[in-house]
Amino acid sequence: MKKKYTILILLVFLASFSRIVPHVPNFTPIVAIALFSASYFSNKHLAFIIPIFSLWISDLVINNVILSGYYGEFIWFYPGFIWQYASFLIIAIIGIKTLKKRSFIRILGITISSSLVFFLITNFGVWASSSMYPKNIFGILACYTAAIPFYYSTLFGSLFYSFFLFGTYEFYALKLKSLKV
């Protein structure tokens, strides 16, 4: 059991810190981490705590090292973080409810739909909490329209990282029978 949790935690942290290396905007592991953690951590508290903690740590590095010139002071939480973290928690709940049995098709479908959930929630947050768009139907439509190119990166990143995380874990589970759930 200890070996299982060690591998799960290492994979989650590895994926989280892939956000630090240069990448296409929104090609990130956030959706995949939520689904993977929800699917494999038998302790559902850990399914939320470990991934959120790993994202927060990588956010600290991003905001205070990579983007240090942008903020000018130490940032514990960036503006709008609540929308990203809320979408993460909702996606984790979706994963808990739908990924009790895993298959290629199921992971594919849940990853695609969860990427859409992430897109809808985080861009609603951009519209609701910024002054970039008017607070009316035209403003929210403009916000979602402007975000469509980013959705493709979110989708492809989510698919890539989902199959990386699930596939890597299952590979090791076959090699080390003690990991099998």
N, C-alpha and C. Protein backbone atom coordinates (compact mmCIF):
# COMPACT_ATOMS: atom_id res chain seq x y z
N MET A 1 0.83 -1.20 0.00
CA MET A 1 0.00 0.00 0.00
C MET A 1 0.87 1.26 0.00
N LYS A 2 1.97 1.22 0.76
CA LYS A 2 2.86 2.37 0.82
C LYS A 2 3.48 2.65 -0.56
N LYS A 3 3.84 1.59 -1.27
CA LYS A 3 4.42 1.73 -2.60
C LYS A 3 3.40 2.36 -3.55
N LYS A 4 2.14 1.94 -3.43
CA LYS A 4 1.08 2.49 -4.27
C LYS A 4 0.96 4.00 -4.07
N TYR A 5 0.87 4.44 -2.81
CA TYR A 5 0.71 5.87 -2.54
C TYR A 5 1.95 6.66 -2.95
N THR A 6 3.12 6.08 -2.80
CA THR A 6 4.34 6.77 -3.21
C THR A 6 4.32 7.03 -4.71
N ILE A 7 3.95 6.03 -5.49
CA ILE A 7 3.90 6.20 -6.94
C ILE A 7 2.81 7.19 -7.34
N LEU A 8 1.64 7.10 -6.70
CA LEU A 8 0.57 8.05 -7.00
C LEU A 8 1.01 9.49 -6.72
N ILE A 9 1.60 9.71 -5.57
CA ILE A 9 2.03 11.06 -5.19
C ILE A 9 3.13 11.56 -6.14
N LEU A 10 4.08 10.71 -6.46
CA LEU A 10 5.15 11.11 -7.38
C LEU A 10 4.59 11.48 -8.75
N LEU A 11 3.65 10.71 -9.26
CA LEU A 11 3.06 11.03 -10.56
C LEU A 11 2.31 12.36 -10.52
N VAL A 12 1.56 12.60 -9.46
CA VAL A 12 0.81 13.86 -9.32
C VAL A 12 1.77 15.04 -9.26
N PHE A 13 2.83 14.93 -8.45
CA PHE A 13 3.79 16.03 -8.35
C PHE A 13 4.56 16.23 -9.65
N LEU A 14 4.92 15.14 -10.31
CA LEU A 14 5.61 15.25 -11.60
C LEU A 14 4.74 15.99 -12.61
N ALA A 15 3.46 15.61 -12.68
CA ALA A 15 2.54 16.28 -13.61
C ALA A 15 2.36 17.75 -13.23
N SER A 16 2.21 18.03 -11.94
CA SER A 16 2.03 19.42 -11.49
C SER A 16 3.22 20.28 -11.89
N PHE A 17 4.39 19.75 -11.72
CA PHE A 17 5.57 20.55 -12.01
C PHE A 17 5.90 20.62 -13.49
N SER A 18 5.18 19.87 -14.31
CA SER A 18 5.34 20.03 -15.76
C SER A 18 4.79 21.39 -16.20
N ARG A 19 4.00 22.02 -15.33
CA ARG A 19 3.47 23.36 -15.62
C ARG A 19 4.58 24.41 -15.64
N ILE A 20 5.71 24.08 -15.02
CA ILE A 20 6.80 25.04 -14.88
C ILE A 20 7.65 25.11 -16.15
N VAL A 21 7.74 24.01 -16.88
CA VAL A 21 8.55 24.02 -18.10
C VAL A 21 7.78 24.77 -19.19
N PRO A 22 8.50 25.38 -20.12
CA PRO A 22 7.80 26.10 -21.20
C PRO A 22 6.82 25.17 -21.94
N HIS A 23 5.64 25.69 -22.19
CA HIS A 23 4.61 24.91 -22.88
C HIS A 23 3.62 25.84 -23.57
N VAL A 24 2.83 25.27 -24.44
CA VAL A 24 1.77 26.02 -25.11
C VAL A 24 0.78 26.47 -24.03
N PRO A 25 0.31 27.71 -24.08
CA PRO A 25 -0.66 28.15 -23.07
C PRO A 25 -1.84 27.17 -22.93
N ASN A 26 -2.14 26.84 -21.71
CA ASN A 26 -3.24 25.96 -21.31
C ASN A 26 -3.00 24.47 -21.60
N PHE A 27 -1.85 24.10 -22.13
CA PHE A 27 -1.51 22.69 -22.31
C PHE A 27 -0.95 22.20 -20.98
N THR A 28 -1.87 21.97 -20.05
CA THR A 28 -1.48 21.66 -18.67
C THR A 28 -2.13 20.37 -18.18
N PRO A 29 -1.65 19.86 -17.04
CA PRO A 29 -2.15 18.60 -16.51
C PRO A 29 -3.28 18.74 -15.49
N ILE A 30 -3.86 19.91 -15.35
CA ILE A 30 -4.80 20.15 -14.24
C ILE A 30 -5.99 19.20 -14.28
N VAL A 31 -6.64 19.08 -15.42
CA VAL A 31 -7.80 18.18 -15.54
C VAL A 31 -7.37 16.74 -15.29
N ALA A 32 -6.26 16.35 -15.89
CA ALA A 32 -5.77 14.97 -15.75
C ALA A 32 -5.43 14.63 -14.31
N ILE A 33 -4.81 15.56 -13.60
CA ILE A 33 -4.46 15.32 -12.20
C ILE A 33 -5.72 15.09 -11.37
N ALA A 34 -6.73 15.91 -11.59
CA ALA A 34 -7.98 15.77 -10.83
C ALA A 34 -8.61 14.40 -11.09
N LEU A 35 -8.68 13.99 -12.34
CA LEU A 35 -9.30 12.70 -12.68
C LEU A 35 -8.46 11.53 -12.18
N PHE A 36 -7.17 11.59 -12.39
CA PHE A 36 -6.26 10.52 -11.96
C PHE A 36 -6.32 10.34 -10.44
N SER A 37 -6.22 11.43 -9.71
CA SER A 37 -6.25 11.36 -8.25
C SER A 37 -7.58 10.83 -7.75
N ALA A 38 -8.66 11.30 -8.35
CA ALA A 38 -9.99 10.84 -7.95
C ALA A 38 -10.16 9.35 -8.22
N SER A 39 -9.56 8.88 -9.27
CA SER A 39 -9.70 7.49 -9.66
C SER A 39 -8.87 6.54 -8.81
N TYR A 40 -7.67 6.93 -8.44
CA TYR A 40 -6.74 5.99 -7.80
C TYR A 40 -6.56 6.13 -6.29
N PHE A 41 -6.74 7.31 -5.73
CA PHE A 41 -6.59 7.42 -4.28
C PHE A 41 -7.80 6.82 -3.60
N SER A 42 -7.60 5.75 -2.85
CA SER A 42 -8.74 5.14 -2.15
C SER A 42 -9.21 6.05 -1.01
N ASN A 43 -8.32 6.79 -0.40
CA ASN A 43 -8.69 7.79 0.59
C ASN A 43 -9.07 9.05 -0.17
N LYS A 44 -10.35 9.33 -0.26
CA LYS A 44 -10.83 10.44 -1.10
C LYS A 44 -10.42 11.80 -0.56
N HIS A 45 -10.09 11.90 0.73
CA HIS A 45 -9.54 13.16 1.22
C HIS A 45 -8.20 13.45 0.54
N LEU A 46 -7.39 12.40 0.40
CA LEU A 46 -6.11 12.56 -0.29
C LEU A 46 -6.31 12.86 -1.76
N ALA A 47 -7.39 12.37 -2.33
CA ALA A 47 -7.69 12.63 -3.75
C ALA A 47 -7.89 14.12 -4.01
N PHE A 48 -8.23 14.86 -2.98
CA PHE A 48 -8.38 16.30 -3.11
C PHE A 48 -7.14 17.03 -2.58
N ILE A 49 -6.66 16.63 -1.42
CA ILE A 49 -5.60 17.37 -0.73
C ILE A 49 -4.27 17.33 -1.48
N ILE A 50 -3.81 16.15 -1.87
CA ILE A 50 -2.50 16.04 -2.51
C ILE A 50 -2.46 16.77 -3.84
N PRO A 51 -3.42 16.60 -4.73
CA PRO A 51 -3.36 17.35 -5.99
C PRO A 51 -3.49 18.86 -5.80
N ILE A 52 -4.38 19.31 -4.92
CA ILE A 52 -4.52 20.75 -4.69
C ILE A 52 -3.23 21.31 -4.12
N PHE A 53 -2.62 20.59 -3.18
CA PHE A 53 -1.36 21.03 -2.61
C PHE A 53 -0.27 21.09 -3.68
N SER A 54 -0.19 20.09 -4.53
CA SER A 54 0.84 20.08 -5.58
C SER A 54 0.62 21.21 -6.58
N LEU A 55 -0.63 21.50 -6.91
CA LEU A 55 -0.91 22.63 -7.80
C LEU A 55 -0.54 23.96 -7.14
N TRP A 56 -0.87 24.07 -5.87
CA TRP A 56 -0.57 25.31 -5.16
C TRP A 56 0.94 25.53 -5.08
N ILE A 57 1.70 24.47 -4.82
CA ILE A 57 3.16 24.59 -4.77
C ILE A 57 3.69 25.01 -6.14
N SER A 58 3.19 24.38 -7.20
CA SER A 58 3.66 24.78 -8.54
C SER A 58 3.21 26.20 -8.87
N ASP A 59 2.03 26.61 -8.39
CA ASP A 59 1.60 28.01 -8.56
C ASP A 59 2.55 28.98 -7.85
N LEU A 60 2.99 28.61 -6.65
CA LEU A 60 3.95 29.46 -5.93
C LEU A 60 5.21 29.67 -6.76
N VAL A 61 5.72 28.59 -7.35
CA VAL A 61 6.93 28.70 -8.17
C VAL A 61 6.65 29.55 -9.41
N ILE A 62 5.54 29.28 -10.07
CA ILE A 62 5.20 30.04 -11.28
C ILE A 62 5.06 31.52 -10.97
N ASN A 63 4.30 31.84 -9.94
CA ASN A 63 4.00 33.25 -9.64
C ASN A 63 5.15 34.01 -9.01
N ASN A 64 6.01 33.31 -8.27
CA ASN A 64 7.06 34.00 -7.53
C ASN A 64 8.46 33.83 -8.09
N VAL A 65 8.60 32.96 -9.06
CA VAL A 65 9.90 32.80 -9.72
C VAL A 65 9.76 33.16 -11.19
N ILE A 66 8.92 32.43 -11.89
CA ILE A 66 8.78 32.63 -13.33
C ILE A 66 8.13 33.97 -13.65
N LEU A 67 7.08 34.33 -12.92
CA LEU A 67 6.38 35.60 -13.17
C LEU A 67 6.68 36.65 -12.11
N SER A 68 7.83 36.55 -11.46
CA SER A 68 8.13 37.46 -10.35
C SER A 68 8.12 38.93 -10.78
N GLY A 69 8.54 39.24 -12.00
CA GLY A 69 8.51 40.61 -12.48
C GLY A 69 7.11 41.13 -12.71
N TYR A 70 6.17 40.23 -12.94
CA TYR A 70 4.79 40.63 -13.21
C TYR A 70 4.10 41.10 -11.93
N TYR A 71 4.31 40.36 -10.84
CA TYR A 71 3.62 40.68 -9.60
C TYR A 71 4.37 41.69 -8.73
N GLY A 72 5.69 41.61 -8.69
CA GLY A 72 6.47 42.57 -7.91
C GLY A 72 6.54 42.28 -6.42
N GLU A 73 5.75 41.37 -5.92
CA GLU A 73 5.81 40.98 -4.51
C GLU A 73 5.46 39.49 -4.42
N PHE A 74 5.69 38.90 -3.25
CA PHE A 74 5.40 37.48 -3.08
C PHE A 74 3.90 37.25 -3.16
N ILE A 75 3.50 36.27 -3.96
CA ILE A 75 2.08 35.98 -4.17
C ILE A 75 1.76 34.59 -3.62
N TRP A 76 0.87 34.54 -2.66
CA TRP A 76 0.40 33.25 -2.13
C TRP A 76 -0.69 32.67 -3.03
N PHE A 77 -1.59 33.54 -3.48
CA PHE A 77 -2.69 33.15 -4.36
C PHE A 77 -2.85 34.23 -5.42
N TYR A 78 -2.92 33.85 -6.67
CA TYR A 78 -3.06 34.81 -7.76
C TYR A 78 -4.53 35.19 -7.93
N PRO A 79 -4.78 36.35 -8.54
CA PRO A 79 -6.18 36.75 -8.76
C PRO A 79 -6.88 35.71 -9.64
N GLY A 80 -8.05 35.32 -9.25
CA GLY A 80 -8.83 34.36 -10.03
C GLY A 80 -8.51 32.90 -9.75
N PHE A 81 -7.62 32.63 -8.78
CA PHE A 81 -7.26 31.24 -8.50
C PHE A 81 -8.47 30.40 -8.09
N ILE A 82 -9.43 31.06 -7.47
CA ILE A 82 -10.59 30.33 -6.95
C ILE A 82 -11.35 29.60 -8.07
N TRP A 83 -11.39 30.19 -9.25
CA TRP A 83 -12.12 29.58 -10.37
C TRP A 83 -11.41 28.32 -10.85
N GLN A 84 -10.09 28.39 -10.94
CA GLN A 84 -9.31 27.22 -11.37
C GLN A 84 -9.41 26.11 -10.33
N TYR A 85 -9.26 26.45 -9.07
CA TYR A 85 -9.30 25.44 -8.02
C TYR A 85 -10.71 24.87 -7.85
N ALA A 86 -11.73 25.70 -8.00
CA ALA A 86 -13.11 25.20 -7.92
C ALA A 86 -13.39 24.22 -9.06
N SER A 87 -12.94 24.56 -10.26
CA SER A 87 -13.14 23.63 -11.38
C SER A 87 -12.40 22.33 -11.13
N PHE A 88 -11.22 22.42 -10.54
CA PHE A 88 -10.44 21.24 -10.20
C PHE A 88 -11.23 20.35 -9.23
N LEU A 89 -11.81 20.93 -8.20
CA LEU A 89 -12.57 20.15 -7.22
C LEU A 89 -13.81 19.51 -7.85
N ILE A 90 -14.49 20.24 -8.72
CA ILE A 90 -15.67 19.69 -9.40
C ILE A 90 -15.25 18.54 -10.31
N ILE A 91 -14.15 18.69 -11.01
CA ILE A 91 -13.67 17.62 -11.89
C ILE A 91 -13.27 16.40 -11.07
N ALA A 92 -12.67 16.61 -9.90
CA ALA A 92 -12.33 15.48 -9.03
C ALA A 92 -13.60 14.73 -8.60
N ILE A 93 -14.64 15.46 -8.30
CA ILE A 93 -15.92 14.81 -7.93
C ILE A 93 -16.46 14.01 -9.11
N ILE A 94 -16.37 14.58 -10.30
CA ILE A 94 -16.79 13.85 -11.51
C ILE A 94 -15.97 12.56 -11.64
N GLY A 95 -14.67 12.66 -11.41
CA GLY A 95 -13.81 11.47 -11.48
C GLY A 95 -14.18 10.42 -10.45
N ILE A 96 -14.46 10.84 -9.24
CA ILE A 96 -14.84 9.89 -8.18
C ILE A 96 -16.12 9.16 -8.58
N LYS A 97 -17.08 9.89 -9.14
CA LYS A 97 -18.37 9.30 -9.50
C LYS A 97 -18.31 8.43 -10.75
N THR A 98 -17.39 8.72 -11.68
CA THR A 98 -17.45 8.06 -12.98
C THR A 98 -16.28 7.11 -13.29
N LEU A 99 -15.21 7.20 -12.53
CA LEU A 99 -14.03 6.39 -12.88
C LEU A 99 -13.74 5.27 -11.89
N LYS A 100 -14.81 4.71 -11.33
CA LYS A 100 -14.62 3.54 -10.47
C LYS A 100 -14.11 2.37 -11.30
N LYS A 101 -14.60 2.29 -12.53
CA LYS A 101 -14.10 1.33 -13.51
C LYS A 101 -13.43 2.14 -14.61
N ARG A 102 -12.21 1.74 -14.92
CA ARG A 102 -11.45 2.49 -15.91
C ARG A 102 -11.33 1.71 -17.21
N SER A 103 -11.49 2.42 -18.30
CA SER A 103 -11.24 1.87 -19.63
C SER A 103 -10.77 3.02 -20.50
N PHE A 104 -10.18 2.69 -21.63
CA PHE A 104 -9.69 3.72 -22.54
C PHE A 104 -10.83 4.66 -22.94
N ILE A 105 -11.96 4.10 -23.34
CA ILE A 105 -13.10 4.91 -23.80
C ILE A 105 -13.66 5.76 -22.67
N ARG A 106 -13.77 5.19 -21.48
CA ARG A 106 -14.30 5.94 -20.34
C ARG A 106 -13.37 7.11 -19.99
N ILE A 107 -12.07 6.85 -19.92
CA ILE A 107 -11.12 7.92 -19.60
C ILE A 107 -11.15 8.99 -20.69
N LEU A 108 -11.23 8.58 -21.94
CA LEU A 108 -11.31 9.53 -23.05
C LEU A 108 -12.53 10.43 -22.91
N GLY A 109 -13.70 9.83 -22.71
CA GLY A 109 -14.95 10.61 -22.60
C GLY A 109 -14.97 11.53 -21.39
N ILE A 110 -14.53 11.03 -20.25
CA ILE A 110 -14.53 11.84 -19.03
C ILE A 110 -13.50 12.97 -19.14
N THR A 111 -12.37 12.71 -19.77
CA THR A 111 -11.36 13.76 -19.95
C THR A 111 -11.89 14.86 -20.86
N ILE A 112 -12.54 14.48 -21.94
CA ILE A 112 -13.10 15.49 -22.86
C ILE A 112 -14.16 16.33 -22.15
N SER A 113 -15.08 15.66 -21.46
CA SER A 113 -16.14 16.42 -20.78
C SER A 113 -15.59 17.26 -19.63
N SER A 114 -14.58 16.76 -18.93
CA SER A 114 -13.99 17.52 -17.83
C SER A 114 -13.22 18.73 -18.35
N SER A 115 -12.61 18.61 -19.52
CA SER A 115 -11.94 19.77 -20.13
C SER A 115 -12.95 20.86 -20.43
N LEU A 116 -14.14 20.46 -20.85
CA LEU A 116 -15.20 21.42 -21.12
C LEU A 116 -15.66 22.08 -19.81
N VAL A 117 -15.78 21.30 -18.74
CA VAL A 117 -16.14 21.86 -17.43
C VAL A 117 -15.10 22.90 -17.01
N PHE A 118 -13.82 22.55 -17.16
CA PHE A 118 -12.75 23.48 -16.81
C PHE A 118 -12.86 24.77 -17.63
N PHE A 119 -13.09 24.62 -18.92
CA PHE A 119 -13.24 25.77 -19.83
C PHE A 119 -14.40 26.67 -19.39
N LEU A 120 -15.55 26.06 -19.12
CA LEU A 120 -16.74 26.84 -18.76
C LEU A 120 -16.56 27.57 -17.44
N ILE A 121 -16.03 26.88 -16.43
CA ILE A 121 -15.89 27.50 -15.11
C ILE A 121 -14.81 28.58 -15.10
N THR A 122 -13.65 28.27 -15.63
CA THR A 122 -12.55 29.25 -15.55
C THR A 122 -12.82 30.48 -16.41
N ASN A 123 -13.45 30.31 -17.54
CA ASN A 123 -13.75 31.49 -18.37
C ASN A 123 -14.94 32.27 -17.84
N PHE A 124 -15.86 31.60 -17.18
CA PHE A 124 -16.89 32.34 -16.46
C PHE A 124 -16.23 33.22 -15.40
N GLY A 125 -15.22 32.66 -14.74
CA GLY A 125 -14.47 33.42 -13.73
C GLY A 125 -13.77 34.63 -14.32
N VAL A 126 -13.20 34.47 -15.51
CA VAL A 126 -12.57 35.61 -16.18
C VAL A 126 -13.62 36.69 -16.44
N TRP A 127 -14.76 36.29 -16.94
CA TRP A 127 -15.83 37.25 -17.24
C TRP A 127 -16.34 37.91 -15.94
N ALA A 128 -16.59 37.10 -14.92
CA ALA A 128 -17.22 37.61 -13.70
C ALA A 128 -16.29 38.47 -12.85
N SER A 129 -15.00 38.16 -12.86
CA SER A 129 -14.13 38.84 -11.90
C SER A 129 -13.13 39.81 -12.53
N SER A 130 -13.27 40.06 -13.82
CA SER A 130 -12.37 41.03 -14.43
C SER A 130 -13.18 42.15 -15.09
N SER A 131 -12.49 43.17 -15.51
CA SER A 131 -13.17 44.27 -16.19
C SER A 131 -12.95 44.19 -17.71
N MET A 132 -12.49 43.05 -18.19
CA MET A 132 -12.20 42.89 -19.62
C MET A 132 -13.46 42.86 -20.48
N TYR A 133 -14.56 42.38 -19.91
CA TYR A 133 -15.79 42.18 -20.68
C TYR A 133 -16.97 42.82 -19.95
N PRO A 134 -17.92 43.36 -20.71
CA PRO A 134 -19.12 43.92 -20.06
C PRO A 134 -19.90 42.81 -19.35
N LYS A 135 -20.56 43.18 -18.29
CA LYS A 135 -21.31 42.20 -17.49
C LYS A 135 -22.72 42.04 -18.05
N ASN A 136 -22.77 41.50 -19.26
CA ASN A 136 -24.05 41.19 -19.90
C ASN A 136 -23.84 39.97 -20.80
N ILE A 137 -24.88 39.54 -21.49
CA ILE A 137 -24.81 38.35 -22.32
C ILE A 137 -23.76 38.48 -23.42
N PHE A 138 -23.62 39.69 -23.96
CA PHE A 138 -22.63 39.90 -25.02
C PHE A 138 -21.21 39.80 -24.47
N GLY A 139 -21.03 40.24 -23.24
CA GLY A 139 -19.72 40.16 -22.60
C GLY A 139 -19.31 38.72 -22.35
N ILE A 140 -20.24 37.93 -21.84
CA ILE A 140 -19.88 36.53 -21.56
C ILE A 140 -19.67 35.75 -22.85
N LEU A 141 -20.49 36.06 -23.86
CA LEU A 141 -20.28 35.40 -25.16
C LEU A 141 -18.93 35.79 -25.77
N ALA A 142 -18.56 37.05 -25.64
CA ALA A 142 -17.26 37.50 -26.14
C ALA A 142 -16.12 36.82 -25.38
N CYS A 143 -16.29 36.66 -24.09
CA CYS A 143 -15.27 36.01 -23.27
C CYS A 143 -15.08 34.55 -23.70
N TYR A 144 -16.18 33.83 -23.82
CA TYR A 144 -16.08 32.42 -24.25
C TYR A 144 -15.53 32.31 -25.68
N THR A 145 -15.93 33.21 -26.55
CA THR A 145 -15.44 33.18 -27.93
C THR A 145 -13.94 33.42 -27.97
N ALA A 146 -13.47 34.40 -27.22
CA ALA A 146 -12.03 34.69 -27.19
C ALA A 146 -11.23 33.53 -26.60
N ALA A 147 -11.86 32.73 -25.78
CA ALA A 147 -11.17 31.63 -25.10
C ALA A 147 -11.14 30.33 -25.91
N ILE A 148 -11.88 30.26 -26.99
CA ILE A 148 -11.95 29.01 -27.76
C ILE A 148 -10.57 28.49 -28.17
N PRO A 149 -9.65 29.31 -28.67
CA PRO A 149 -8.32 28.77 -29.02
C PRO A 149 -7.62 28.12 -27.82
N PHE A 150 -7.84 28.66 -26.63
CA PHE A 150 -7.23 28.09 -25.43
C PHE A 150 -7.88 26.76 -25.05
N TYR A 151 -9.15 26.60 -25.41
CA TYR A 151 -9.83 25.34 -25.10
C TYR A 151 -9.14 24.17 -25.80
N TYR A 152 -8.72 24.36 -27.04
CA TYR A 152 -8.06 23.27 -27.75
C TYR A 152 -6.79 22.84 -27.03
N SER A 153 -6.04 23.80 -26.53
CA SER A 153 -4.83 23.46 -25.77
C SER A 153 -5.19 22.74 -24.47
N THR A 154 -6.24 23.21 -23.81
CA THR A 154 -6.70 22.55 -22.59
C THR A 154 -7.10 21.11 -22.89
N LEU A 155 -7.87 20.93 -23.94
CA LEU A 155 -8.33 19.59 -24.31
C LEU A 155 -7.15 18.67 -24.63
N PHE A 156 -6.25 19.12 -25.49
CA PHE A 156 -5.13 18.26 -25.89
C PHE A 156 -4.18 18.01 -24.72
N GLY A 157 -3.96 19.01 -23.90
CA GLY A 157 -3.13 18.82 -22.71
C GLY A 157 -3.77 17.84 -21.74
N SER A 158 -5.07 17.96 -21.55
CA SER A 158 -5.79 17.05 -20.65
C SER A 158 -5.73 15.62 -21.16
N LEU A 159 -5.92 15.45 -22.46
CA LEU A 159 -5.84 14.10 -23.04
C LEU A 159 -4.43 13.53 -22.90
N PHE A 160 -3.44 14.32 -23.25
CA PHE A 160 -2.05 13.86 -23.16
C PHE A 160 -1.72 13.44 -21.73
N TYR A 161 -1.98 14.32 -20.77
CA TYR A 161 -1.62 14.03 -19.38
C TYR A 161 -2.49 12.93 -18.77
N SER A 162 -3.75 12.84 -19.16
CA SER A 162 -4.58 11.75 -18.65
C SER A 162 -4.01 10.41 -19.07
N PHE A 163 -3.70 10.28 -20.34
CA PHE A 163 -3.18 9.00 -20.80
C PHE A 163 -1.77 8.75 -20.30
N PHE A 164 -0.99 9.81 -20.08
CA PHE A 164 0.32 9.64 -19.46
C PHE A 164 0.16 9.13 -18.03
N LEU A 165 -0.66 9.80 -17.22
CA LEU A 165 -0.81 9.41 -15.82
C LEU A 165 -1.44 8.03 -15.66
N PHE A 166 -2.59 7.83 -16.29
CA PHE A 166 -3.27 6.54 -16.18
C PHE A 166 -2.41 5.42 -16.77
N GLY A 167 -1.81 5.68 -17.92
CA GLY A 167 -0.99 4.67 -18.59
C GLY A 167 0.25 4.32 -17.80
N THR A 168 0.94 5.33 -17.28
CA THR A 168 2.15 5.09 -16.49
C THR A 168 1.82 4.29 -15.24
N TYR A 169 0.75 4.68 -14.56
CA TYR A 169 0.38 3.95 -13.34
C TYR A 169 0.02 2.50 -13.66
N GLU A 170 -0.77 2.29 -14.70
CA GLU A 170 -1.16 0.92 -15.05
C GLU A 170 0.04 0.09 -15.50
N PHE A 171 1.00 0.72 -16.17
CA PHE A 171 2.22 0.02 -16.56
C PHE A 171 2.94 -0.49 -15.31
N TYR A 172 3.12 0.41 -14.32
CA TYR A 172 3.78 0.00 -13.08
C TYR A 172 2.94 -0.99 -12.29
N ALA A 173 1.64 -0.87 -12.36
CA ALA A 173 0.77 -1.81 -11.66
C ALA A 173 0.93 -3.22 -12.22
N LEU A 174 1.14 -3.32 -13.53
CA LEU A 174 1.40 -4.64 -14.12
C LEU A 174 2.76 -5.17 -13.70
N LYS A 175 3.74 -4.29 -13.61
CA LYS A 175 5.09 -4.70 -13.21
C LYS A 175 5.17 -5.03 -11.72
N LEU A 176 4.45 -4.27 -10.92
CA LEU A 176 4.47 -4.46 -9.47
C LEU A 176 3.05 -4.80 -9.02
N LYS A 177 2.75 -6.04 -8.95
CA LYS A 177 1.38 -6.50 -8.63
C LYS A 177 0.80 -5.88 -7.37
N SER A 178 1.64 -5.40 -6.46
CA SER A 178 1.15 -4.83 -5.21
C SER A 178 0.44 -3.50 -5.42
N LEU A 179 0.57 -2.88 -6.59
CA LEU A 179 -0.09 -1.60 -6.83
C LEU A 179 -1.53 -1.78 -7.28
N LYS A 180 -1.85 -2.94 -7.79
CA LYS A 180 -3.17 -3.17 -8.38
C LYS A 180 -4.26 -2.90 -7.36
N VAL A 181 -5.25 -2.13 -7.79
CA VAL A 181 -6.36 -1.76 -6.92
C VAL A 181 -7.38 -2.88 -6.89
